[in-house]
All heavy atoms as atom14 arrays in JSON, in Angstrom:
{
  "sequence": "LGSAVHLICVHSPDGVLAAAGLYTSVGGIAQAHLAGNLERFGR",
  "atom14_mask": [
    [1, 1, 1, 1, 1, 1, 1, 1, 0, 0, 0, 0, 0, 0],
    [1, 1, 1, 1, 0, 0, 0, 0, 0, 0, 0, 0, 0, 0],
    [1, 1, 1, 1, 1, 1, 0, 0, 0, 0, 0, 0, 0, 0],
    [1, 1, 1, 1, 1, 0, 0, 0, 0, 0, 0, 0, 0, 0],
    [1, 1, 1, 1, 1, 1, 1, 0, 0, 0, 0, 0, 0, 0],
    [1, 1, 1, 1, 1, 1, 1, 1, 1, 1, 0, 0, 0, 0],
    [1, 1, 1, 1, 1, 1, 1, 1, 0, 0, 0, 0, 0, 0],
    [1, 1, 1, 1, 1, 1, 1, 1, 0, 0, 0, 0, 0, 0],
    [1, 1, 1, 1, 1, 1, 0, 0, 0, 0, 0, 0, 0, 0],
    [1, 1, 1, 1, 1, 1, 1, 0, 0, 0, 0, 0, 0, 0],
    [1, 1, 1, 1, 1, 1, 1, 1, 1, 1, 0, 0, 0, 0],
    [1, 1, 1, 1, 1, 1, 0, 0, 0, 0, 0, 0, 0, 0],
    [1, 1, 1, 1, 1, 1, 1, 0, 0, 0, 0, 0, 0, 0],
    [1, 1, 1, 1, 1, 1, 1, 1, 0, 0, 0, 0, 0, 0],
    [1, 1, 1, 1, 0, 0, 0, 0, 0, 0, 0, 0, 0, 0],
    [1, 1, 1, 1, 1, 1, 1, 0, 0, 0, 0, 0, 0, 0],
    [1, 1, 1, 1, 1, 1, 1, 1, 0, 0, 0, 0, 0, 0],
    [1, 1, 1, 1, 1, 0, 0, 0, 0, 0, 0, 0, 0, 0],
    [1, 1, 1, 1, 1, 0, 0, 0, 0, 0, 0, 0, 0, 0],
    [1, 1, 1, 1, 1, 0, 0, 0, 0, 0, 0, 0, 0, 0],
    [1, 1, 1, 1, 0, 0, 0, 0, 0, 0, 0, 0, 0, 0],
    [1, 1, 1, 1, 1, 1, 1, 1, 0, 0, 0, 0, 0, 0],
    [1, 1, 1, 1, 1, 1, 1, 1, 1, 1, 1, 1, 0, 0],
    [1, 1, 1, 1, 1, 1, 1, 0, 0, 0, 0, 0, 0, 0],
    [1, 1, 1, 1, 1, 1, 0, 0, 0, 0, 0, 0, 0, 0],
    [1, 1, 1, 1, 1, 1, 1, 0, 0, 0, 0, 0, 0, 0],
    [1, 1, 1, 1, 0, 0, 0, 0, 0, 0, 0, 0, 0, 0],
    [1, 1, 1, 1, 0, 0, 0, 0, 0, 0, 0, 0, 0, 0],
    [1, 1, 1, 1, 1, 1, 1, 1, 0, 0, 0, 0, 0, 0],
    [1, 1, 1, 1, 1, 0, 0, 0, 0, 0, 0, 0, 0, 0],
    [1, 1, 1, 1, 1, 1, 1, 1, 1, 0, 0, 0, 0, 0],
    [1, 1, 1, 1, 1, 0, 0, 0, 0, 0, 0, 0, 0, 0],
    [1, 1, 1, 1, 1, 1, 1, 1, 1, 1, 0, 0, 0, 0],
    [1, 1, 1, 1, 1, 1, 1, 1, 0, 0, 0, 0, 0, 0],
    [1, 1, 1, 1, 1, 0, 0, 0, 0, 0, 0, 0, 0, 0],
    [1, 1, 1, 1, 0, 0, 0, 0, 0, 0, 0, 0, 0, 0],
    [1, 1, 1, 1, 1, 1, 1, 1, 0, 0, 0, 0, 0, 0],
    [1, 1, 1, 1, 1, 1, 1, 1, 0, 0, 0, 0, 0, 0],
    [1, 1, 1, 1, 1, 1, 1, 1, 1, 0, 0, 0, 0, 0],
    [1, 1, 1, 1, 1, 1, 1, 1, 1, 1, 1, 0, 0, 0],
    [1, 1, 1, 1, 1, 1, 1, 1, 1, 1, 1, 0, 0, 0],
    [1, 1, 1, 1, 0, 0, 0, 0, 0, 0, 0, 0, 0, 0],
    [1, 1, 1, 1, 1, 1, 1, 1, 1, 1, 1, 0, 0, 0]
  ],
  "atom14_positions": [
    [[14.66, 16.96, -7.69], [15.04, 15.87, -8.56], [14.25, 15.8, -9.89], [14.55, 15.23, -10.82], [15.2, 14.67, -7.81], [16.25, 14.52, -6.81], [16.39, 13.07, -6.38], [17.6, 15.07, -7.38], [0.0, 0.0, 0.0], [0.0, 0.0, 0.0], [0.0, 0.0, 0.0], [0.0, 0.0, 0.0], [0.0, 0.0, 0.0], [0.0, 0.0, 0.0]],
    [[12.97, 16.42, -9.84], [12.09, 16.41, -11.0], [11.84, 15.06, -11.55], [11.43, 14.16, -10.98], [0.0, 0.0, 0.0], [0.0, 0.0, 0.0], [0.0, 0.0, 0.0], [0.0, 0.0, 0.0], [0.0, 0.0, 0.0], [0.0, 0.0, 0.0], [0.0, 0.0, 0.0], [0.0, 0.0, 0.0], [0.0, 0.0, 0.0], [0.0, 0.0, 0.0]],
    [[12.16, 14.96, -12.87], [11.88, 13.74, -13.64], [12.82, 12.58, -13.33], [12.64, 11.49, -13.74], [12.0, 13.97, -15.11], [13.37, 14.41, -15.52], [0.0, 0.0, 0.0], [0.0, 0.0, 0.0], [0.0, 0.0, 0.0], [0.0, 0.0, 0.0], [0.0, 0.0, 0.0], [0.0, 0.0, 0.0], [0.0, 0.0, 0.0], [0.0, 0.0, 0.0]],
    [[13.75, 12.79, -12.37], [14.61, 11.82, -11.9], [14.07, 10.82, -10.87], [14.56, 9.8, -10.47], [16.0, 12.26, -11.48], [0.0, 0.0, 0.0], [0.0, 0.0, 0.0], [0.0, 0.0, 0.0], [0.0, 0.0, 0.0], [0.0, 0.0, 0.0], [0.0, 0.0, 0.0], [0.0, 0.0, 0.0], [0.0, 0.0, 0.0], [0.0, 0.0, 0.0]],
    [[12.87, 11.29, -10.19], [12.34, 10.54, -9.23], [10.86, 10.23, -9.51], [10.22, 11.05, -10.09], [12.37, 11.4, -7.79], [11.59, 12.65, -7.96], [11.86, 10.5, -6.64], [0.0, 0.0, 0.0], [0.0, 0.0, 0.0], [0.0, 0.0, 0.0], [0.0, 0.0, 0.0], [0.0, 0.0, 0.0], [0.0, 0.0, 0.0], [0.0, 0.0, 0.0]],
    [[10.41, 9.06, -9.09], [9.13, 8.58, -9.45], [8.44, 7.89, -8.24], [9.1, 7.24, -7.39], [9.14, 7.6, -10.68], [9.74, 8.12, -11.93], [9.05, 8.89, -12.83], [11.1, 8.31, -12.28], [9.91, 9.32, -13.73], [11.16, 8.99, -13.43], [0.0, 0.0, 0.0], [0.0, 0.0, 0.0], [0.0, 0.0, 0.0], [0.0, 0.0, 0.0]],
    [[7.09, 7.92, -8.18], [6.26, 7.43, -7.18], [5.41, 6.33, -7.8], [4.65, 6.58, -8.53], [5.48, 8.43, -6.56], [4.36, 8.0, -5.42], [5.2, 7.43, -4.15], [3.61, 9.17, -4.94], [0.0, 0.0, 0.0], [0.0, 0.0, 0.0], [0.0, 0.0, 0.0], [0.0, 0.0, 0.0], [0.0, 0.0, 0.0], [0.0, 0.0, 0.0]],
    [[5.6, 5.17, -7.19], [4.77, 3.91, -7.66], [3.97, 3.48, -6.57], [4.5, 3.21, -5.42], [5.72, 2.79, -8.22], [6.36, 3.32, -9.49], [4.82, 1.52, -8.59], [7.25, 2.3, -10.16], [0.0, 0.0, 0.0], [0.0, 0.0, 0.0], [0.0, 0.0, 0.0], [0.0, 0.0, 0.0], [0.0, 0.0, 0.0], [0.0, 0.0, 0.0]],
    [[2.58, 3.51, -6.78], [1.69, 3.07, -5.77], [0.9, 1.84, -6.05], [0.66, 1.54, -7.2], [0.74, 4.25, -5.53], [1.46, 5.79, -4.98], [0.0, 0.0, 0.0], [0.0, 0.0, 0.0], [0.0, 0.0, 0.0], [0.0, 0.0, 0.0], [0.0, 0.0, 0.0], [0.0, 0.0, 0.0], [0.0, 0.0, 0.0], [0.0, 0.0, 0.0]],
    [[0.52, 1.11, -4.95], [-0.41, 0.04, -5.16], [-1.67, 0.4, -4.27], [-1.71, 0.67, -3.2], [0.19, -1.38, -4.47], [-0.76, -2.4, -4.66], [1.43, -1.66, -5.39], [0.0, 0.0, 0.0], [0.0, 0.0, 0.0], [0.0, 0.0, 0.0], [0.0, 0.0, 0.0], [0.0, 0.0, 0.0], [0.0, 0.0, 0.0], [0.0, 0.0, 0.0]],
    [[-2.84, 0.2, -5.07], [-4.19, 0.54, -4.39], [-4.89, -0.77, -4.17], [-4.97, -1.58, -5.12], [-4.85, 1.48, -5.29], [-4.07, 2.68, -5.74], [-4.0, 3.83, -4.95], [-3.33, 2.81, -6.86], [-3.28, 4.74, -5.73], [-2.87, 4.13, -6.79], [0.0, 0.0, 0.0], [0.0, 0.0, 0.0], [0.0, 0.0, 0.0], [0.0, 0.0, 0.0]],
    [[-5.58, -0.83, -2.95], [-6.47, -1.87, -2.62], [-7.74, -1.84, -3.49], [-7.99, -0.7, -4.06], [-6.77, -1.99, -1.26], [-7.64, -0.93, -0.96], [0.0, 0.0, 0.0], [0.0, 0.0, 0.0], [0.0, 0.0, 0.0], [0.0, 0.0, 0.0], [0.0, 0.0, 0.0], [0.0, 0.0, 0.0], [0.0, 0.0, 0.0], [0.0, 0.0, 0.0]],
    [[-8.53, -2.94, -3.55], [-9.73, -2.81, -4.29], [-10.74, -1.78, -3.82], [-11.47, -1.29, -4.6], [-10.41, -4.19, -4.02], [-9.17, -5.16, -3.78], [-8.16, -4.24, -3.0], [0.0, 0.0, 0.0], [0.0, 0.0, 0.0], [0.0, 0.0, 0.0], [0.0, 0.0, 0.0], [0.0, 0.0, 0.0], [0.0, 0.0, 0.0], [0.0, 0.0, 0.0]],
    [[-10.57, -1.32, -2.6], [-11.52, -0.26, -2.0], [-10.73, 1.05, -2.13], [-11.24, 2.05, -1.32], [-11.85, -0.62, -0.7], [-10.83, -0.85, 0.33], [-9.66, -0.92, -0.06], [-11.24, -0.99, 1.48], [0.0, 0.0, 0.0], [0.0, 0.0, 0.0], [0.0, 0.0, 0.0], [0.0, 0.0, 0.0], [0.0, 0.0, 0.0], [0.0, 0.0, 0.0]],
    [[-9.66, 1.23, -2.86], [-8.95, 2.53, -3.0], [-7.98, 2.87, -1.92], [-7.44, 4.11, -1.88], [0.0, 0.0, 0.0], [0.0, 0.0, 0.0], [0.0, 0.0, 0.0], [0.0, 0.0, 0.0], [0.0, 0.0, 0.0], [0.0, 0.0, 0.0], [0.0, 0.0, 0.0], [0.0, 0.0, 0.0], [0.0, 0.0, 0.0], [0.0, 0.0, 0.0]],
    [[-7.67, 2.09, -1.06], [-6.72, 2.41, -0.03], [-5.28, 2.22, -0.52], [-5.01, 1.29, -1.2], [-6.89, 1.48, 1.35], [-5.74, 1.69, 2.3], [-8.27, 1.77, 1.85], [0.0, 0.0, 0.0], [0.0, 0.0, 0.0], [0.0, 0.0, 0.0], [0.0, 0.0, 0.0], [0.0, 0.0, 0.0], [0.0, 0.0, 0.0], [0.0, 0.0, 0.0]],
    [[-4.36, 3.21, -0.07], [-2.99, 2.98, -0.48], [-2.28, 1.82, 0.37], [-2.05, 1.98, 1.53], [-2.23, 4.31, -0.21], [-0.75, 4.38, -0.66], [-0.67, 4.34, -2.2], [-0.19, 5.7, -0.29], [0.0, 0.0, 0.0], [0.0, 0.0, 0.0], [0.0, 0.0, 0.0], [0.0, 0.0, 0.0], [0.0, 0.0, 0.0], [0.0, 0.0, 0.0]],
    [[-2.07, 0.69, -0.3], [-1.71, -0.37, 0.27], [-0.12, -0.55, 0.36], [0.49, -1.09, 1.27], [-2.17, -1.68, -0.46], [0.0, 0.0, 0.0], [0.0, 0.0, 0.0], [0.0, 0.0, 0.0], [0.0, 0.0, 0.0], [0.0, 0.0, 0.0], [0.0, 0.0, 0.0], [0.0, 0.0, 0.0], [0.0, 0.0, 0.0], [0.0, 0.0, 0.0]],
    [[0.61, -0.02, -0.55], [2.02, 0.04, -0.7], [2.41, 1.09, -1.7], [1.79, 1.41, -2.56], [2.58, -1.25, -1.03], [0.0, 0.0, 0.0], [0.0, 0.0, 0.0], [0.0, 0.0, 0.0], [0.0, 0.0, 0.0], [0.0, 0.0, 0.0], [0.0, 0.0, 0.0], [0.0, 0.0, 0.0], [0.0, 0.0, 0.0], [0.0, 0.0, 0.0]],
    [[3.62, 1.64, -1.5], [4.07, 2.69, -2.26], [5.72, 2.8, -2.16], [6.19, 2.53, -1.14], [3.44, 4.04, -2.01], [0.0, 0.0, 0.0], [0.0, 0.0, 0.0], [0.0, 0.0, 0.0], [0.0, 0.0, 0.0], [0.0, 0.0, 0.0], [0.0, 0.0, 0.0], [0.0, 0.0, 0.0], [0.0, 0.0, 0.0], [0.0, 0.0, 0.0]],
    [[6.29, 3.28, -3.24], [7.74, 3.35, -3.33], [8.19, 4.54, -4.19], [7.6, 4.82, -5.12], [0.0, 0.0, 0.0], [0.0, 0.0, 0.0], [0.0, 0.0, 0.0], [0.0, 0.0, 0.0], [0.0, 0.0, 0.0], [0.0, 0.0, 0.0], [0.0, 0.0, 0.0], [0.0, 0.0, 0.0], [0.0, 0.0, 0.0], [0.0, 0.0, 0.0]],
    [[9.34, 5.19, -3.78], [10.01, 6.15, -4.54], [11.22, 5.36, -5.26], [11.87, 4.68, -4.68], [10.58, 7.25, -3.7], [9.51, 8.32, -3.07], [10.29, 9.19, -2.12], [8.79, 8.94, -4.21], [0.0, 0.0, 0.0], [0.0, 0.0, 0.0], [0.0, 0.0, 0.0], [0.0, 0.0, 0.0], [0.0, 0.0, 0.0], [0.0, 0.0, 0.0]],
    [[11.25, 5.65, -6.58], [12.29, 5.11, -7.38], [12.89, 6.18, -8.19], [12.28, 7.25, -8.43], [11.63, 3.99, -8.37], [10.96, 2.79, -7.64], [9.74, 2.99, -7.08], [11.72, 1.62, -7.63], [9.17, 1.88, -6.5], [11.09, 0.56, -7.11], [9.87, 0.65, -6.44], [9.29, -0.49, -5.84], [0.0, 0.0, 0.0], [0.0, 0.0, 0.0]],
    [[14.1, 6.02, -8.44], [14.87, 6.96, -9.25], [15.4, 6.4, -10.59], [15.51, 5.23, -10.58], [16.07, 7.56, -8.42], [17.03, 6.47, -8.23], [15.77, 8.17, -7.17], [0.0, 0.0, 0.0], [0.0, 0.0, 0.0], [0.0, 0.0, 0.0], [0.0, 0.0, 0.0], [0.0, 0.0, 0.0], [0.0, 0.0, 0.0], [0.0, 0.0, 0.0]],
    [[15.6, 7.28, -11.51], [16.22, 6.85, -12.86], [17.07, 7.9, -13.41], [16.64, 8.99, -13.74], [14.94, 6.54, -13.74], [15.44, 6.31, -15.11], [0.0, 0.0, 0.0], [0.0, 0.0, 0.0], [0.0, 0.0, 0.0], [0.0, 0.0, 0.0], [0.0, 0.0, 0.0], [0.0, 0.0, 0.0], [0.0, 0.0, 0.0], [0.0, 0.0, 0.0]],
    [[18.27, 7.55, -13.51], [19.34, 8.43, -14.28], [20.32, 7.6, -15.04], [20.84, 6.61, -14.47], [20.04, 9.31, -13.19], [21.25, 10.09, -13.78], [19.18, 10.32, -12.48], [0.0, 0.0, 0.0], [0.0, 0.0, 0.0], [0.0, 0.0, 0.0], [0.0, 0.0, 0.0], [0.0, 0.0, 0.0], [0.0, 0.0, 0.0], [0.0, 0.0, 0.0]],
    [[20.59, 7.91, -16.15], [21.65, 7.16, -17.01], [21.4, 5.88, -17.22], [22.32, 5.08, -17.16], [0.0, 0.0, 0.0], [0.0, 0.0, 0.0], [0.0, 0.0, 0.0], [0.0, 0.0, 0.0], [0.0, 0.0, 0.0], [0.0, 0.0, 0.0], [0.0, 0.0, 0.0], [0.0, 0.0, 0.0], [0.0, 0.0, 0.0], [0.0, 0.0, 0.0]],
    [[20.14, 5.4, -17.32], [19.82, 4.0, -17.52], [19.93, 3.11, -16.31], [19.6, 1.95, -16.34], [0.0, 0.0, 0.0], [0.0, 0.0, 0.0], [0.0, 0.0, 0.0], [0.0, 0.0, 0.0], [0.0, 0.0, 0.0], [0.0, 0.0, 0.0], [0.0, 0.0, 0.0], [0.0, 0.0, 0.0], [0.0, 0.0, 0.0], [0.0, 0.0, 0.0]],
    [[20.12, 3.71, -15.17], [20.12, 2.94, -13.82], [18.86, 3.41, -13.07], [18.74, 4.58, -12.71], [21.42, 3.19, -13.03], [22.62, 2.74, -13.96], [21.34, 2.45, -11.79], [23.99, 3.13, -13.23], [0.0, 0.0, 0.0], [0.0, 0.0, 0.0], [0.0, 0.0, 0.0], [0.0, 0.0, 0.0], [0.0, 0.0, 0.0], [0.0, 0.0, 0.0]],
    [[18.03, 2.53, -12.71], [16.78, 2.76, -11.88], [17.16, 2.15, -10.39], [17.92, 1.14, -10.38], [15.51, 2.19, -12.4], [0.0, 0.0, 0.0], [0.0, 0.0, 0.0], [0.0, 0.0, 0.0], [0.0, 0.0, 0.0], [0.0, 0.0, 0.0], [0.0, 0.0, 0.0], [0.0, 0.0, 0.0], [0.0, 0.0, 0.0], [0.0, 0.0, 0.0]],
    [[16.68, 2.88, -9.41], [16.96, 2.6, -8.08], [15.77, 2.53, -7.21], [14.94, 3.46, -7.37], [18.01, 3.49, -7.5], [19.26, 3.61, -8.08], [20.43, 2.62, -7.52], [20.1, 1.8, -6.67], [21.49, 2.75, -8.11], [0.0, 0.0, 0.0], [0.0, 0.0, 0.0], [0.0, 0.0, 0.0], [0.0, 0.0, 0.0], [0.0, 0.0, 0.0]],
    [[15.46, 1.52, -6.39], [14.36, 1.6, -5.46], [15.02, 2.36, -4.27], [16.06, 2.04, -3.65], [14.18, 0.13, -4.95], [0.0, 0.0, 0.0], [0.0, 0.0, 0.0], [0.0, 0.0, 0.0], [0.0, 0.0, 0.0], [0.0, 0.0, 0.0], [0.0, 0.0, 0.0], [0.0, 0.0, 0.0], [0.0, 0.0, 0.0], [0.0, 0.0, 0.0]],
    [[14.41, 3.5, -3.94], [14.88, 4.49, -2.9], [14.33, 4.22, -1.58], [15.0, 3.95, -0.62], [14.62, 5.84, -3.36], [15.43, 6.93, -2.68], [16.72, 6.96, -2.49], [14.87, 8.0, -1.97], [17.13, 7.89, -1.76], [16.01, 8.57, -1.46], [0.0, 0.0, 0.0], [0.0, 0.0, 0.0], [0.0, 0.0, 0.0], [0.0, 0.0, 0.0]],
    [[12.97, 4.52, -1.32], [12.31, 4.31, -0.12], [10.96, 3.72, -0.35], [10.33, 4.03, -1.43], [12.1, 5.72, 0.56], [13.45, 6.45, 1.0], [13.03, 7.85, 1.4], [14.37, 5.82, 1.9], [0.0, 0.0, 0.0], [0.0, 0.0, 0.0], [0.0, 0.0, 0.0], [0.0, 0.0, 0.0], [0.0, 0.0, 0.0], [0.0, 0.0, 0.0]],
    [[10.44, 2.88, 0.5], [9.12, 2.28, 0.31], [8.48, 1.99, 1.62], [9.16, 1.85, 2.64], [9.35, 0.92, -0.57], [0.0, 0.0, 0.0], [0.0, 0.0, 0.0], [0.0, 0.0, 0.0], [0.0, 0.0, 0.0], [0.0, 0.0, 0.0], [0.0, 0.0, 0.0], [0.0, 0.0, 0.0], [0.0, 0.0, 0.0], [0.0, 0.0, 0.0]],
    [[7.15, 1.78, 1.51], [6.41, 1.41, 2.76], [5.08, 0.71, 2.34], [4.82, 0.61, 1.17], [0.0, 0.0, 0.0], [0.0, 0.0, 0.0], [0.0, 0.0, 0.0], [0.0, 0.0, 0.0], [0.0, 0.0, 0.0], [0.0, 0.0, 0.0], [0.0, 0.0, 0.0], [0.0, 0.0, 0.0], [0.0, 0.0, 0.0], [0.0, 0.0, 0.0]],
    [[4.51, -0.04, 3.31], [3.34, -0.75, 3.13], [2.41, -0.83, 4.19], [2.81, -0.58, 5.39], [3.63, -2.2, 2.67], [4.46, -2.88, 3.74], [3.88, -3.47, 4.69], [5.75, -2.98, 3.5], [0.0, 0.0, 0.0], [0.0, 0.0, 0.0], [0.0, 0.0, 0.0], [0.0, 0.0, 0.0], [0.0, 0.0, 0.0], [0.0, 0.0, 0.0]],
    [[1.16, -0.94, 4.02], [0.11, -0.89, 5.16], [0.01, -2.24, 5.77], [-0.08, -3.27, 5.06], [-1.15, -0.52, 4.55], [-2.22, 0.07, 5.64], [-1.79, 1.29, 6.11], [-3.54, 0.33, 4.79], [0.0, 0.0, 0.0], [0.0, 0.0, 0.0], [0.0, 0.0, 0.0], [0.0, 0.0, 0.0], [0.0, 0.0, 0.0], [0.0, 0.0, 0.0]],
    [[0.14, -2.26, 7.15], [0.23, -3.5, 7.78], [-0.88, -4.42, 7.56], [-0.79, -5.73, 7.5], [0.38, -3.17, 9.27], [0.59, -4.32, 10.19], [0.88, -4.1, 11.64], [0.57, -2.98, 12.1], [1.4, -4.99, 12.49], [0.0, 0.0, 0.0], [0.0, 0.0, 0.0], [0.0, 0.0, 0.0], [0.0, 0.0, 0.0], [0.0, 0.0, 0.0]],
    [[-2.16, -3.87, 7.48], [-3.27, -4.84, 7.45], [-3.38, -5.54, 6.15], [-4.16, -6.55, 5.99], [-4.54, -4.06, 7.63], [-5.04, -3.11, 6.49], [-6.25, -2.36, 6.98], [-6.75, -1.28, 6.02], [-7.73, -1.6, 5.02], [-8.21, -2.86, 4.88], [-8.13, -0.48, 4.24], [0.0, 0.0, 0.0], [0.0, 0.0, 0.0], [0.0, 0.0, 0.0]],
    [[-2.49, -5.19, 5.1], [-2.43, -6.03, 3.84], [-1.26, -7.0, 3.82], [-0.85, -7.4, 2.82], [-2.41, -5.08, 2.62], [-3.68, -4.25, 2.49], [-3.7, -2.87, 2.57], [-4.84, -5.0, 2.17], [-4.89, -2.18, 2.42], [-6.06, -4.25, 1.94], [-6.03, -2.86, 2.09], [0.0, 0.0, 0.0], [0.0, 0.0, 0.0], [0.0, 0.0, 0.0]],
    [[-0.57, -7.08, 5.0], [0.64, -7.89, 5.0], [0.47, -9.24, 4.42], [1.48, -9.77, 3.8], [0.0, 0.0, 0.0], [0.0, 0.0, 0.0], [0.0, 0.0, 0.0], [0.0, 0.0, 0.0], [0.0, 0.0, 0.0], [0.0, 0.0, 0.0], [0.0, 0.0, 0.0], [0.0, 0.0, 0.0], [0.0, 0.0, 0.0], [0.0, 0.0, 0.0]],
    [[-0.62, -9.9, 4.63], [-0.7, -11.27, 4.21], [-0.8, -11.51, 2.68], [-0.37, -12.56, 2.13], [-2.08, -11.8, 4.83], [-2.02, -12.06, 6.37], [-3.15, -12.69, 6.83], [-3.16, -14.2, 6.51], [-4.1, -15.13, 6.8], [-5.11, -14.7, 7.61], [-4.0, -16.29, 6.42], [0.0, 0.0, 0.0], [0.0, 0.0, 0.0], [0.0, 0.0, 0.0]]
  ]
}
């Protein structure tokens, strides 16, 4: 999918990947595709 798919990440203050999601963008429509988050940052 090349430039149609994007990875957006959230990093904790100590550099841990706390949450991340794949998003797509085609023809002016962006979509949240798949995402996950680290349980210890749930609060």
